[in-house]
Amino acid sequence: MAYSHVNSKRQTYFLHQRLVTLRGGRKQTIYFFSREEKEGVMDEIPAGYEVMENKRTGLPMLRKKKKQA
């Protein structure tokens, strides 16, 4: 079952991941939300991340959780 998030505008987005190669040749995993389930859909949020929403557009994004003091 794909991880989904319903934003404040009642639109459903699905979490995806993709391995990309940066200019220097280093590989990095990116996380993104899409309205459709595509290749790379994830079942859950990666450990240490949380979902936040762009206040103006409602687009969900992942960010690292803040450390508790």
N, C-alpha and C. Protein backbone atom coordinates (compact mmCIF):
# COMPACT_ATOMS: atom_id res chain seq x y z
N MET A 1 0.85 -1.18 0.00
CA MET A 1 0.00 0.00 0.00
C MET A 1 0.89 1.24 0.00
N ALA A 2 0.70 2.11 -0.96
CA ALA A 2 1.52 3.31 -1.11
C ALA A 2 1.17 4.33 -0.03
N TYR A 3 2.20 5.06 0.45
CA TYR A 3 1.97 6.12 1.43
C TYR A 3 1.31 7.30 0.73
N SER A 4 0.21 7.77 1.28
CA SER A 4 -0.48 8.91 0.69
C SER A 4 -0.69 9.99 1.75
N HIS A 5 -0.80 11.23 1.28
CA HIS A 5 -1.01 12.38 2.15
C HIS A 5 -2.09 13.24 1.51
N VAL A 6 -3.11 13.59 2.29
CA VAL A 6 -4.16 14.49 1.82
C VAL A 6 -3.84 15.87 2.37
N ASN A 7 -3.67 16.85 1.47
CA ASN A 7 -3.28 18.18 1.91
C ASN A 7 -4.49 19.00 2.34
N SER A 8 -4.24 20.25 2.68
CA SER A 8 -5.30 21.13 3.18
C SER A 8 -6.34 21.46 2.11
N LYS A 9 -5.99 21.26 0.85
CA LYS A 9 -6.92 21.51 -0.26
C LYS A 9 -7.65 20.24 -0.68
N ARG A 10 -7.53 19.20 0.13
CA ARG A 10 -8.16 17.90 -0.08
C ARG A 10 -7.68 17.19 -1.35
N GLN A 11 -6.41 17.38 -1.69
CA GLN A 11 -5.79 16.68 -2.82
C GLN A 11 -4.90 15.59 -2.25
N THR A 12 -4.92 14.42 -2.90
CA THR A 12 -4.13 13.28 -2.44
C THR A 12 -2.83 13.20 -3.21
N TYR A 13 -1.72 13.04 -2.48
CA TYR A 13 -0.39 12.91 -3.07
C TYR A 13 0.24 11.62 -2.56
N PHE A 14 1.08 10.99 -3.41
CA PHE A 14 1.77 9.75 -3.07
C PHE A 14 3.27 10.01 -3.01
N LEU A 15 3.93 9.40 -2.01
CA LEU A 15 5.36 9.58 -1.79
C LEU A 15 6.17 8.64 -2.69
N HIS A 16 7.21 9.19 -3.35
CA HIS A 16 8.09 8.43 -4.23
C HIS A 16 9.54 8.67 -3.84
N GLN A 17 10.40 7.76 -4.30
CA GLN A 17 11.85 7.98 -4.16
C GLN A 17 12.51 7.63 -5.48
N ARG A 18 13.67 8.27 -5.72
CA ARG A 18 14.41 8.01 -6.95
C ARG A 18 15.89 8.21 -6.65
N LEU A 19 16.72 7.36 -7.23
CA LEU A 19 18.18 7.49 -7.10
C LEU A 19 18.67 8.30 -8.29
N VAL A 20 19.28 9.45 -8.02
CA VAL A 20 19.78 10.31 -9.09
C VAL A 20 21.29 10.43 -8.98
N THR A 21 21.93 10.74 -10.11
CA THR A 21 23.37 10.95 -10.14
C THR A 21 23.61 12.45 -10.27
N LEU A 22 24.34 13.01 -9.33
CA LEU A 22 24.65 14.43 -9.34
C LEU A 22 25.81 14.72 -10.30
N ARG A 23 26.07 15.98 -10.58
CA ARG A 23 27.10 16.37 -11.55
C ARG A 23 28.47 15.77 -11.24
N GLY A 24 28.83 15.72 -9.99
CA GLY A 24 30.13 15.19 -9.61
C GLY A 24 30.20 13.67 -9.64
N GLY A 25 29.11 13.01 -10.01
CA GLY A 25 29.09 11.56 -10.09
C GLY A 25 28.55 10.89 -8.84
N ARG A 26 28.32 11.68 -7.79
CA ARG A 26 27.79 11.13 -6.54
C ARG A 26 26.32 10.77 -6.72
N LYS A 27 25.91 9.65 -6.14
CA LYS A 27 24.51 9.22 -6.21
C LYS A 27 23.78 9.65 -4.95
N GLN A 28 22.54 10.10 -5.10
CA GLN A 28 21.75 10.57 -3.97
C GLN A 28 20.30 10.16 -4.17
N THR A 29 19.65 9.78 -3.08
CA THR A 29 18.23 9.44 -3.13
C THR A 29 17.42 10.70 -2.89
N ILE A 30 16.45 10.95 -3.78
CA ILE A 30 15.56 12.08 -3.60
C ILE A 30 14.16 11.55 -3.30
N TYR A 31 13.41 12.31 -2.53
CA TYR A 31 12.03 11.98 -2.17
C TYR A 31 11.13 13.07 -2.72
N PHE A 32 9.98 12.68 -3.30
CA PHE A 32 9.06 13.65 -3.84
C PHE A 32 7.63 13.11 -3.79
N PHE A 33 6.67 14.03 -3.86
CA PHE A 33 5.26 13.66 -3.88
C PHE A 33 4.69 13.89 -5.27
N SER A 34 3.77 13.02 -5.67
CA SER A 34 3.10 13.11 -6.96
C SER A 34 1.63 12.77 -6.77
N ARG A 35 0.77 13.29 -7.62
CA ARG A 35 -0.66 12.99 -7.51
C ARG A 35 -0.98 11.59 -8.01
N GLU A 36 -0.08 10.99 -8.79
CA GLU A 36 -0.29 9.65 -9.33
C GLU A 36 0.76 8.71 -8.77
N GLU A 37 0.41 7.43 -8.65
CA GLU A 37 1.38 6.42 -8.25
C GLU A 37 2.22 6.06 -9.46
N LYS A 38 3.52 6.28 -9.36
CA LYS A 38 4.44 6.01 -10.46
C LYS A 38 5.51 5.03 -9.96
N GLU A 39 6.51 4.80 -10.81
CA GLU A 39 7.63 3.94 -10.43
C GLU A 39 8.37 4.57 -9.26
N GLY A 40 8.69 3.79 -8.25
CA GLY A 40 9.41 4.29 -7.09
C GLY A 40 8.51 4.69 -5.94
N VAL A 41 7.23 4.33 -5.98
CA VAL A 41 6.30 4.69 -4.90
C VAL A 41 6.74 3.98 -3.62
N MET A 42 6.59 4.69 -2.49
CA MET A 42 7.03 4.16 -1.19
C MET A 42 5.85 3.78 -0.32
N ASP A 43 6.07 2.83 0.58
CA ASP A 43 5.03 2.37 1.50
C ASP A 43 4.96 3.19 2.77
N GLU A 44 6.07 3.83 3.14
CA GLU A 44 6.09 4.61 4.39
C GLU A 44 7.14 5.72 4.29
N ILE A 45 7.05 6.66 5.22
CA ILE A 45 8.00 7.76 5.29
C ILE A 45 9.34 7.22 5.79
N PRO A 46 10.47 7.66 5.21
CA PRO A 46 11.77 7.22 5.71
C PRO A 46 11.99 7.66 7.16
N ALA A 47 12.74 6.87 7.90
CA ALA A 47 13.02 7.18 9.30
C ALA A 47 13.74 8.51 9.40
N GLY A 48 13.32 9.33 10.37
CA GLY A 48 13.96 10.61 10.61
C GLY A 48 13.37 11.76 9.80
N TYR A 49 12.31 11.50 9.03
CA TYR A 49 11.67 12.54 8.21
C TYR A 49 10.23 12.74 8.65
N GLU A 50 9.68 13.91 8.30
CA GLU A 50 8.28 14.22 8.55
C GLU A 50 7.72 14.97 7.35
N VAL A 51 6.40 14.94 7.20
CA VAL A 51 5.75 15.63 6.10
C VAL A 51 5.39 17.04 6.52
N MET A 52 5.69 18.01 5.66
CA MET A 52 5.26 19.39 5.87
C MET A 52 4.57 19.84 4.59
N GLU A 53 3.85 20.93 4.66
CA GLU A 53 3.09 21.39 3.52
C GLU A 53 3.47 22.83 3.19
N ASN A 54 3.61 23.13 1.90
CA ASN A 54 3.84 24.50 1.47
C ASN A 54 2.56 25.27 1.77
N LYS A 55 2.67 26.36 2.50
CA LYS A 55 1.48 27.08 2.97
C LYS A 55 0.65 27.66 1.82
N ARG A 56 1.31 28.11 0.77
CA ARG A 56 0.60 28.76 -0.33
C ARG A 56 0.01 27.76 -1.32
N THR A 57 0.81 26.77 -1.74
CA THR A 57 0.36 25.84 -2.78
C THR A 57 -0.25 24.55 -2.23
N GLY A 58 0.08 24.20 -0.99
CA GLY A 58 -0.42 22.97 -0.41
C GLY A 58 0.39 21.74 -0.79
N LEU A 59 1.49 21.92 -1.54
CA LEU A 59 2.32 20.80 -1.96
C LEU A 59 3.04 20.19 -0.76
N PRO A 60 2.87 18.89 -0.51
CA PRO A 60 3.58 18.26 0.61
C PRO A 60 5.06 18.05 0.27
N MET A 61 5.90 18.13 1.31
CA MET A 61 7.34 17.93 1.17
C MET A 61 7.84 17.17 2.38
N LEU A 62 8.97 16.50 2.23
CA LEU A 62 9.60 15.84 3.36
C LEU A 62 10.69 16.74 3.91
N ARG A 63 10.84 16.72 5.22
CA ARG A 63 11.95 17.42 5.85
C ARG A 63 12.44 16.55 7.00
N LYS A 64 13.70 16.75 7.35
CA LYS A 64 14.25 16.00 8.47
C LYS A 64 13.61 16.49 9.76
N LYS A 65 13.32 15.56 10.66
CA LYS A 65 12.74 15.93 11.94
C LYS A 65 13.73 16.73 12.75
N LYS A 66 13.22 17.70 13.47
CA LYS A 66 14.08 18.49 14.35
C LYS A 66 14.43 17.66 15.57
N LYS A 67 15.67 17.78 16.01
CA LYS A 67 16.12 17.05 17.19
C LYS A 67 15.50 17.66 18.44
N GLN A 68 15.07 16.81 19.34
CA GLN A 68 14.50 17.26 20.61
C GLN A 68 15.63 17.59 21.56
N ALA A 69 15.55 18.71 22.25
CA ALA A 69 16.60 19.14 23.19
C ALA A 69 16.52 18.38 24.47
